[in-house]
PDB file of N, CA and C in Angstrom:
ATOM      1  N   MET A   1      -2.050 -27.685 -10.372  1.00  0.00           N
ATOM      2  CA  MET A   1      -2.447 -26.379  -9.880  1.00  0.00           C
ATOM      3  C   MET A   1      -3.761 -26.529  -9.133  1.00  0.00           C
ATOM      4  N   ASP A   2      -3.852 -25.959  -7.918  1.00  0.00           N
ATOM      5  CA  ASP A   2      -5.092 -26.076  -7.175  1.00  0.00           C
ATOM      6  C   ASP A   2      -6.082 -24.992  -7.594  1.00  0.00           C
ATOM      7  N   ALA A   3      -7.345 -25.166  -7.227  1.00  0.00           N
ATOM      8  CA  ALA A   3      -8.435 -24.300  -7.685  1.00  0.00           C
ATOM      9  C   ALA A   3      -8.291 -22.860  -7.213  1.00  0.00           C
ATOM     10  N   LEU A   4      -7.577 -22.628  -6.127  1.00  0.00           N
ATOM     11  CA  LEU A   4      -7.462 -21.274  -5.592  1.00  0.00           C
ATOM     12  C   LEU A   4      -6.169 -20.576  -6.007  1.00  0.00           C
ATOM     13  N   SER A   5      -5.378 -21.214  -6.801  1.00  0.00           N
ATOM     14  CA  SER A   5      -4.120 -20.637  -7.235  1.00  0.00           C
ATOM     15  C   SER A   5      -4.344 -19.367  -8.040  1.00  0.00           C
ATOM     16  N   THR A   6      -3.467 -18.398  -7.869  1.00  0.00           N
ATOM     17  CA  THR A   6      -3.544 -17.169  -8.657  1.00  0.00           C
ATOM     18  C   THR A   6      -2.579 -17.203  -9.835  1.00  0.00           C
ATOM     19  N   GLU A   7      -1.910 -18.345 -10.028  1.00  0.00           N
ATOM     20  CA  GLU A   7      -1.023 -18.498 -11.176  1.00  0.00           C
ATOM     21  C   GLU A   7      -1.848 -18.696 -12.443  1.00  0.00           C
ATOM     22  N   PRO A   8      -1.490 -18.018 -13.543  1.00  0.00           N
ATOM     23  CA  PRO A   8      -2.228 -18.215 -14.787  1.00  0.00           C
ATOM     24  C   PRO A   8      -2.142 -19.661 -15.261  1.00  0.00           C
ATOM     25  N   ASP A   9      -3.217 -20.134 -15.861  1.00  0.00           N
ATOM     26  CA  ASP A   9      -3.263 -21.483 -16.403  1.00  0.00           C
ATOM     27  C   ASP A   9      -2.783 -21.430 -17.847  1.00  0.00           C
ATOM     28  N   PRO A  10      -1.621 -22.008 -18.157  1.00  0.00           N
ATOM     29  CA  PRO A  10      -1.087 -21.911 -19.517  1.00  0.00           C
ATOM     30  C   PRO A  10      -1.966 -22.608 -20.553  1.00  0.00           C
ATOM     31  N   ALA A  11      -2.848 -23.506 -20.117  1.00  0.00           N
ATOM     32  CA  ALA A  11      -3.720 -24.207 -21.054  1.00  0.00           C
ATOM     33  C   ALA A  11      -4.881 -23.330 -21.527  1.00  0.00           C
ATOM     34  N   LYS A  12      -5.153 -22.238 -20.808  1.00  0.00           N
ATOM     35  CA  LYS A  12      -6.257 -21.356 -21.172  1.00  0.00           C
ATOM     36  C   LYS A  12      -5.687 -20.066 -21.760  1.00  0.00           C
ATOM     37  N   PRO A  13      -6.270 -19.607 -22.866  1.00  0.00           N
ATOM     38  CA  PRO A  13      -5.779 -18.365 -23.454  1.00  0.00           C
ATOM     39  C   PRO A  13      -6.117 -17.169 -22.576  1.00  0.00           C
ATOM     40  N   GLU A  14      -5.283 -16.157 -22.649  1.00  0.00           N
ATOM     41  CA  GLU A  14      -5.528 -14.931 -21.892  1.00  0.00           C
ATOM     42  C   GLU A  14      -6.785 -14.247 -22.418  1.00  0.00           C
ATOM     43  N   VAL A  15      -7.567 -13.689 -21.511  1.00  0.00           N
ATOM     44  CA  VAL A  15      -8.773 -12.951 -21.852  1.00  0.00           C
ATOM     45  C   VAL A  15      -8.479 -11.474 -21.661  1.00  0.00           C
ATOM     46  N   THR A  16      -8.996 -10.656 -22.568  1.00  0.00           N
ATOM     47  CA  THR A  16      -8.853  -9.216 -22.453  1.00  0.00           C
ATOM     48  C   THR A  16     -10.197  -8.614 -22.070  1.00  0.00           C
ATOM     49  N   LEU A  17     -10.201  -7.792 -21.026  1.00  0.00           N
ATOM     50  CA  LEU A  17     -11.420  -7.130 -20.587  1.00  0.00           C
ATOM     51  C   LEU A  17     -11.331  -5.639 -20.878  1.00  0.00           C
ATOM     52  N   SER A  18     -12.480  -5.049 -21.214  1.00  0.00           N
ATOM     53  CA  SER A  18     -12.525  -3.598 -21.370  1.00  0.00           C
ATOM     54  C   SER A  18     -12.371  -2.979 -19.982  1.00  0.00           C
ATOM     55  N   PRO A  19     -11.980  -1.720 -19.919  1.00  0.00           N
ATOM     56  CA  PRO A  19     -11.863  -1.081 -18.601  1.00  0.00           C
ATOM     57  C   PRO A  19     -13.169  -1.146 -17.800  1.00  0.00           C
ATOM     58  N   ARG A  20     -14.314  -0.968 -18.454  1.00  0.00           N
ATOM     59  CA  ARG A  20     -15.597  -0.991 -17.748  1.00  0.00           C
ATOM     60  C   ARG A  20     -15.934  -2.406 -17.280  1.00  0.00           C
ATOM     61  N   GLU A  21     -15.645  -3.416 -18.097  1.00  0.00           N
ATOM     62  CA  GLU A  21     -15.868  -4.797 -17.683  1.00  0.00           C
ATOM     63  C   GLU A  21     -15.012  -5.118 -16.464  1.00  0.00           C
ATOM     64  N   GLN A  22     -13.781  -4.689 -16.504  1.00  0.00           N
ATOM     65  CA  GLN A  22     -12.856  -4.934 -15.396  1.00  0.00           C
ATOM     66  C   GLN A  22     -13.348  -4.237 -14.129  1.00  0.00           C
ATOM     67  N   GLU A  23     -13.818  -3.008 -14.282  1.00  0.00           N
ATOM     68  CA  GLU A  23     -14.312  -2.233 -13.151  1.00  0.00           C
ATOM     69  C   GLU A  23     -15.535  -2.916 -12.516  1.00  0.00           C
ATOM     70  N   CYS A  24     -16.480  -3.340 -13.352  1.00  0.00           N
ATOM     71  CA  CYS A  24     -17.673  -4.017 -12.847  1.00  0.00           C
ATOM     72  C   CYS A  24     -17.294  -5.308 -12.134  1.00  0.00           C
ATOM     73  N   LEU A  25     -16.385  -6.052 -12.713  1.00  0.00           N
ATOM     74  CA  LEU A  25     -15.972  -7.317 -12.119  1.00  0.00           C
ATOM     75  C   LEU A  25     -15.223  -7.096 -10.805  1.00  0.00           C
ATOM     76  N   GLN A  26     -14.423  -6.053 -10.749  1.00  0.00           N
ATOM     77  CA  GLN A  26     -13.707  -5.742  -9.496  1.00  0.00           C
ATOM     78  C   GLN A  26     -14.702  -5.464  -8.377  1.00  0.00           C
ATOM     79  N   TRP A  27     -15.731  -4.665  -8.653  1.00  0.00           N
ATOM     80  CA  TRP A  27     -16.744  -4.383  -7.635  1.00  0.00           C
ATOM     81  C   TRP A  27     -17.507  -5.655  -7.281  1.00  0.00           C
ATOM     82  N   ALA A  28     -17.802  -6.494  -8.271  1.00  0.00           N
ATOM     83  CA  ALA A  28     -18.489  -7.761  -8.004  1.00  0.00           C
ATOM     84  C   ALA A  28     -17.642  -8.637  -7.085  1.00  0.00           C
ATOM     85  N   SER A  29     -16.320  -8.588  -7.271  1.00  0.00           N
ATOM     86  CA  SER A  29     -15.420  -9.395  -6.429  1.00  0.00           C
ATOM     87  C   SER A  29     -15.475  -8.952  -4.972  1.00  0.00           C
ATOM     88  N   LEU A  30     -15.934  -7.729  -4.747  1.00  0.00           N
ATOM     89  CA  LEU A  30     -16.051  -7.205  -3.385  1.00  0.00           C
ATOM     90  C   LEU A  30     -17.453  -7.428  -2.823  1.00  0.00           C
ATOM     91  N   GLY A  31     -18.256  -8.202  -3.547  1.00  0.00           N
ATOM     92  CA  GLY A  31     -19.573  -8.567  -3.055  1.00  0.00           C
ATOM     93  C   GLY A  31     -20.687  -7.594  -3.390  1.00  0.00           C
ATOM     94  N   LYS A  32     -20.404  -6.633  -4.259  1.00  0.00           N
ATOM     95  CA  LYS A  32     -21.420  -5.647  -4.616  1.00  0.00           C
ATOM     96  C   LYS A  32     -22.430  -6.241  -5.598  1.00  0.00           C
ATOM     97  N   SER A  33     -23.691  -5.892  -5.420  1.00  0.00           N
ATOM     98  CA  SER A  33     -24.752  -6.323  -6.332  1.00  0.00           C
ATOM     99  C   SER A  33     -24.712  -5.458  -7.590  1.00  0.00           C
ATOM    100  N   SER A  34     -25.468  -5.866  -8.587  1.00  0.00           N
ATOM    101  CA  SER A  34     -25.548  -5.065  -9.813  1.00  0.00           C
ATOM    102  C   SER A  34     -26.107  -3.683  -9.516  1.00  0.00           C
ATOM    103  N   ALA A  35     -27.077  -3.608  -8.622  1.00  0.00           N
ATOM    104  CA  ALA A  35     -27.646  -2.306  -8.247  1.00  0.00           C
ATOM    105  C   ALA A  35     -26.590  -1.432  -7.568  1.00  0.00           C
ATOM    106  N   ASP A  36     -25.811  -2.034  -6.663  1.00  0.00           N
ATOM    107  CA  ASP A  36     -24.744  -1.287  -5.975  1.00  0.00           C
ATOM    108  C   ASP A  36     -23.704  -0.789  -6.979  1.00  0.00           C
ATOM    109  N   ILE A  37     -23.276  -1.677  -7.863  1.00  0.00           N
ATOM    110  CA  ILE A  37     -22.265  -1.325  -8.861  1.00  0.00           C
ATOM    111  C   ILE A  37     -22.799  -0.226  -9.766  1.00  0.00           C
ATOM    112  N   GLY A  38     -24.064  -0.337 -10.155  1.00  0.00           N
ATOM    113  CA  GLY A  38     -24.682   0.689 -10.985  1.00  0.00           C
ATOM    114  C   GLY A  38     -24.662   2.048 -10.316  1.00  0.00           C
ATOM    115  N   THR A  39     -24.972   2.078  -9.036  1.00  0.00           N
ATOM    116  CA  THR A  39     -24.944   3.348  -8.288  1.00  0.00           C
ATOM    117  C   THR A  39     -23.529   3.910  -8.237  1.00  0.00           C
ATOM    118  N   ILE A  40     -22.563   3.047  -7.954  1.00  0.00           N
ATOM    119  CA  ILE A  40     -21.161   3.482  -7.849  1.00  0.00           C
ATOM    120  C   ILE A  40     -20.654   4.034  -9.181  1.00  0.00           C
ATOM    121  N   LEU A  41     -21.014   3.362 -10.292  1.00  0.00           N
ATOM    122  CA  LEU A  41     -20.472   3.716 -11.602  1.00  0.00           C
ATOM    123  C   LEU A  41     -21.432   4.558 -12.449  1.00  0.00           C
ATOM    124  N   SER A  42     -22.558   4.943 -11.870  1.00  0.00           N
ATOM    125  CA  SER A  42     -23.578   5.717 -12.593  1.00  0.00           C
ATOM    126  C   SER A  42     -24.082   4.972 -13.832  1.00  0.00           C
ATOM    127  N   LEU A  43     -24.406   3.700 -13.633  1.00  0.00           N
ATOM    128  CA  LEU A  43     -24.952   2.849 -14.684  1.00  0.00           C
ATOM    129  C   LEU A  43     -26.245   2.229 -14.170  1.00  0.00           C
ATOM    130  N   SER A  44     -27.075   1.743 -15.087  1.00  0.00           N
ATOM    131  CA  SER A  44     -28.256   1.004 -14.653  1.00  0.00           C
ATOM    132  C   SER A  44     -27.810  -0.398 -14.244  1.00  0.00           C
ATOM    133  N   PRO A  45     -28.555  -1.038 -13.352  1.00  0.00           N
ATOM    134  CA  PRO A  45     -28.211  -2.417 -12.983  1.00  0.00           C
ATOM    135  C   PRO A  45     -28.201  -3.341 -14.207  1.00  0.00           C
ATOM    136  N   ARG A  46     -29.076  -3.098 -15.162  1.00  0.00           N
ATOM    137  CA  ARG A  46     -29.115  -3.928 -16.372  1.00  0.00           C
ATOM    138  C   ARG A  46     -27.828  -3.771 -17.188  1.00  0.00           C
ATOM    139  N   THR A  47     -27.298  -2.558 -17.241  1.00  0.00           N
ATOM    140  CA  THR A  47     -26.038  -2.331 -17.957  1.00  0.00           C
ATOM    141  C   THR A  47     -24.894  -3.068 -17.250  1.00  0.00           C
ATOM    142  N   VAL A  48     -24.895  -3.020 -15.939  1.00  0.00           N
ATOM    143  CA  VAL A  48     -23.888  -3.766 -15.173  1.00  0.00           C
ATOM    144  C   VAL A  48     -24.009  -5.255 -15.481  1.00  0.00           C
ATOM    145  N   ASP A  49     -25.245  -5.779 -15.464  1.00  0.00           N
ATOM    146  CA  ASP A  49     -25.453  -7.187 -15.790  1.00  0.00           C
ATOM    147  C   ASP A  49     -24.928  -7.519 -17.180  1.00  0.00           C
ATOM    148  N   SER A  50     -25.120  -6.597 -18.111  1.00  0.00           N
ATOM    149  CA  SER A  50     -24.636  -6.803 -19.478  1.00  0.00           C
ATOM    150  C   SER A  50     -23.113  -6.915 -19.509  1.00  0.00           C
ATOM    151  N   TYR A  51     -22.439  -6.045 -18.794  1.00  0.00           N
ATOM    152  CA  TYR A  51     -20.973  -6.126 -18.721  1.00  0.00           C
ATOM    153  C   TYR A  51     -20.536  -7.457 -18.104  1.00  0.00           C
ATOM    154  N   ILE A  52     -21.200  -7.857 -17.034  1.00  0.00           N
ATOM    155  CA  ILE A  52     -20.841  -9.114 -16.368  1.00  0.00           C
ATOM    156  C   ILE A  52     -21.111 -10.299 -17.299  1.00  0.00           C
ATOM    157  N   GLU A  53     -22.224 -10.258 -18.038  1.00  0.00           N
ATOM    158  CA  GLU A  53     -22.533 -11.327 -18.996  1.00  0.00           C
ATOM    159  C   GLU A  53     -21.460 -11.420 -20.073  1.00  0.00           C
ATOM    160  N   LYS A  54     -20.968 -10.279 -20.547  1.00  0.00           N
ATOM    161  CA  LYS A  54     -19.902 -10.283 -21.553  1.00  0.00           C
ATOM    162  C   LYS A  54     -18.626 -10.899 -20.988  1.00  0.00           C
ATOM    163  N   VAL A  55     -18.322 -10.576 -19.741  1.00  0.00           N
ATOM    164  CA  VAL A  55     -17.144 -11.149 -19.088  1.00  0.00           C
ATOM    165  C   VAL A  55     -17.302 -12.671 -18.963  1.00  0.00           C
ATOM    166  N   CYS A  56     -18.482 -13.105 -18.548  1.00  0.00           N
ATOM    167  CA  CYS A  56     -18.734 -14.550 -18.425  1.00  0.00           C
ATOM    168  C   CYS A  56     -18.545 -15.245 -19.764  1.00  0.00           C
ATOM    169  N   ALA A  57     -19.025 -14.613 -20.829  1.00  0.00           N
ATOM    170  CA  ALA A  57     -18.866 -15.202 -22.163  1.00  0.00           C
ATOM    171  C   ALA A  57     -17.391 -15.283 -22.550  1.00  0.00           C
ATOM    172  N   LYS A  58     -16.635 -14.246 -22.243  1.00  0.00           N
ATOM    173  CA  LYS A  58     -15.210 -14.247 -22.574  1.00  0.00           C
ATOM    174  C   LYS A  58     -14.462 -15.356 -21.844  1.00  0.00           C
ATOM    175  N   PHE A  59     -14.825 -15.584 -20.585  1.00  0.00           N
ATOM    176  CA  PHE A  59     -14.174 -16.634 -19.804  1.00  0.00           C
ATOM    177  C   PHE A  59     -14.819 -18.001 -19.996  1.00  0.00           C
ATOM    178  N   ARG A  60     -15.949 -18.019 -20.704  1.00  0.00           N
ATOM    179  CA  ARG A  60     -16.713 -19.255 -20.916  1.00  0.00           C
ATOM    180  C   ARG A  60     -17.129 -19.891 -19.597  1.00  0.00           C
ATOM    181  N   VAL A  61     -17.702 -19.039 -18.728  1.00  0.00           N
ATOM    182  CA  VAL A  61     -18.231 -19.480 -17.437  1.00  0.00           C
ATOM    183  C   VAL A  61     -19.684 -19.026 -17.334  1.00  0.00           C
ATOM    184  N   ARG A  62     -20.398 -19.542 -16.337  1.00  0.00           N
ATOM    185  CA  ARG A  62     -21.820 -19.225 -16.209  1.00  0.00           C
ATOM    186  C   ARG A  62     -22.151 -18.209 -15.134  1.00  0.00           C
ATOM    187  N   THR A  63     -21.327 -18.057 -14.126  1.00  0.00           N
ATOM    188  CA  THR A  63     -21.682 -17.175 -13.014  1.00  0.00           C
ATOM    189  C   THR A  63     -20.640 -16.090 -12.806  1.00  0.00           C
ATOM    190  N   ARG A  64     -21.070 -15.030 -12.139  1.00  0.00           N
ATOM    191  CA  ARG A  64     -20.129 -13.949 -11.847  1.00  0.00           C
ATOM    192  C   ARG A  64     -19.039 -14.424 -10.892  1.00  0.00           C
ATOM    193  N   ILE A  65     -19.354 -15.361 -10.032  1.00  0.00           N
ATOM    194  CA  ILE A  65     -18.342 -15.892  -9.113  1.00  0.00           C
ATOM    195  C   ILE A  65     -17.238 -16.600  -9.892  1.00  0.00           C
ATOM    196  N   GLU A  66     -17.630 -17.405 -10.877  1.00  0.00           N
ATOM    197  CA  GLU A  66     -16.638 -18.087 -11.715  1.00  0.00           C
ATOM    198  C   GLU A  66     -15.823 -17.069 -12.511  1.00  0.00           C
ATOM    199  N   ALA A  67     -16.482 -16.006 -12.972  1.00  0.00           N
ATOM    200  CA  ALA A  67     -15.775 -14.968 -13.726  1.00  0.00           C
ATOM    201  C   ALA A  67     -14.764 -14.247 -12.842  1.00  0.00           C
ATOM    202  N   VAL A  68     -15.156 -13.949 -11.616  1.00  0.00           N
ATOM    203  CA  VAL A  68     -14.233 -13.307 -10.672  1.00  0.00           C
ATOM    204  C   VAL A  68     -13.026 -14.207 -10.436  1.00  0.00           C
ATOM    205  N   ALA A  69     -13.273 -15.496 -10.191  1.00  0.00           N
ATOM    206  CA  ALA A  69     -12.164 -16.428  -9.949  1.00  0.00           C
ATOM    207  C   ALA A  69     -11.228 -16.492 -11.151  1.00  0.00           C
ATOM    208  N   ALA A  70     -11.790 -16.547 -12.348  1.00  0.00           N
ATOM    209  CA  ALA A  70     -10.959 -16.608 -13.559  1.00  0.00           C
ATOM    210  C   ALA A  70     -10.143 -15.332 -13.725  1.00  0.00           C
ATOM    211  N   ALA A  71     -10.756 -14.186 -13.453  1.00  0.00           N
ATOM    212  CA  ALA A  71     -10.050 -12.907 -13.588  1.00  0.00           C
ATOM    213  C   ALA A  71      -8.929 -12.784 -12.560  1.00  0.00           C
ATOM    214  N   VAL A  72      -9.166 -13.268 -11.362  1.00  0.00           N
ATOM    215  CA  VAL A  72      -8.120 -13.250 -10.327  1.00  0.00           C
ATOM    216  C   VAL A  72      -6.958 -14.139 -10.762  1.00  0.00           C
ATOM    217  N   ARG A  73      -7.272 -15.331 -11.272  1.00  0.00           N
ATOM    218  CA  ARG A  73      -6.218 -16.246 -11.733  1.00  0.00           C
ATOM    219  C   ARG A  73      -5.359 -15.627 -12.830  1.00  0.00           C
ATOM    220  N   GLN A  74      -5.990 -14.829 -13.701  1.00  0.00           N
ATOM    221  CA  GLN A  74      -5.239 -14.202 -14.798  1.00  0.00           C
ATOM    222  C   GLN A  74      -4.631 -12.856 -14.389  1.00  0.00           C
ATOM    223  N   GLY A  75      -4.848 -12.454 -13.146  1.00  0.00           N
ATOM    224  CA  GLY A  75      -4.263 -11.201 -12.675  1.00  0.00           C
ATOM    225  C   GLY A  75      -4.956  -9.956 -13.225  1.00  0.00           C
ATOM    226  N   LEU A  76      -6.208 -10.100 -13.663  1.00  0.00           N
ATOM    227  CA  LEU A  76      -6.934  -8.971 -14.237  1.00  0.00           C
ATOM    228  C   LEU A  76      -7.609  -8.108 -13.178  1.00  0.00           C
ATOM    229  N   ILE A  77      -7.895  -8.697 -12.020  1.00  0.00           N
ATOM    230  CA  ILE A  77      -8.447  -7.929 -10.915  1.00  0.00           C
ATOM    231  C   ILE A  77      -7.725  -8.331  -9.633  1.00  0.00           C
ATOM    232  N   ASP A  78      -7.762  -7.444  -8.669  1.00  0.00           N
ATOM    233  CA  ASP A  78      -7.130  -7.658  -7.381  1.00  0.00           C
ATOM    234  C   ASP A  78      -8.093  -8.453  -6.498  1.00  0.00           C
ATOM    235  N   PRO A  79      -7.646  -9.555  -5.923  1.00  0.00           N
ATOM    236  CA  PRO A  79      -8.551 -10.371  -5.138  1.00  0.00           C
ATOM    237  C   PRO A  79      -9.019  -9.720  -3.844  1.00  0.00           C
ATOM    238  N   GLY A  80      -8.541  -8.552  -3.553  1.00  0.00           N
ATOM    239  CA  GLY A  80      -9.177  -7.935  -2.460  1.00  0.00           C
ATOM    240  C   GLY A  80      -8.592  -7.253  -1.370  1.00  0.00           C
TER     241      GLY A  80
END
């Protein structure tokens, strides 16, 4: 499987995201900053960062970009 494939990786367990985590990650996938996402969702940028950090922990990745890629692979967010 190549790195850009949207097919789920059977070796990795499925991750479940809360609706708010999914929403924040979807906006992040569109290039929005935490401040932008906060304005859109009526949240503070720190709260957005907290949601993104939780998503990163669930996927066991370090960056929001890696989290977006993992979520796209699992079909949790629309790539765009």
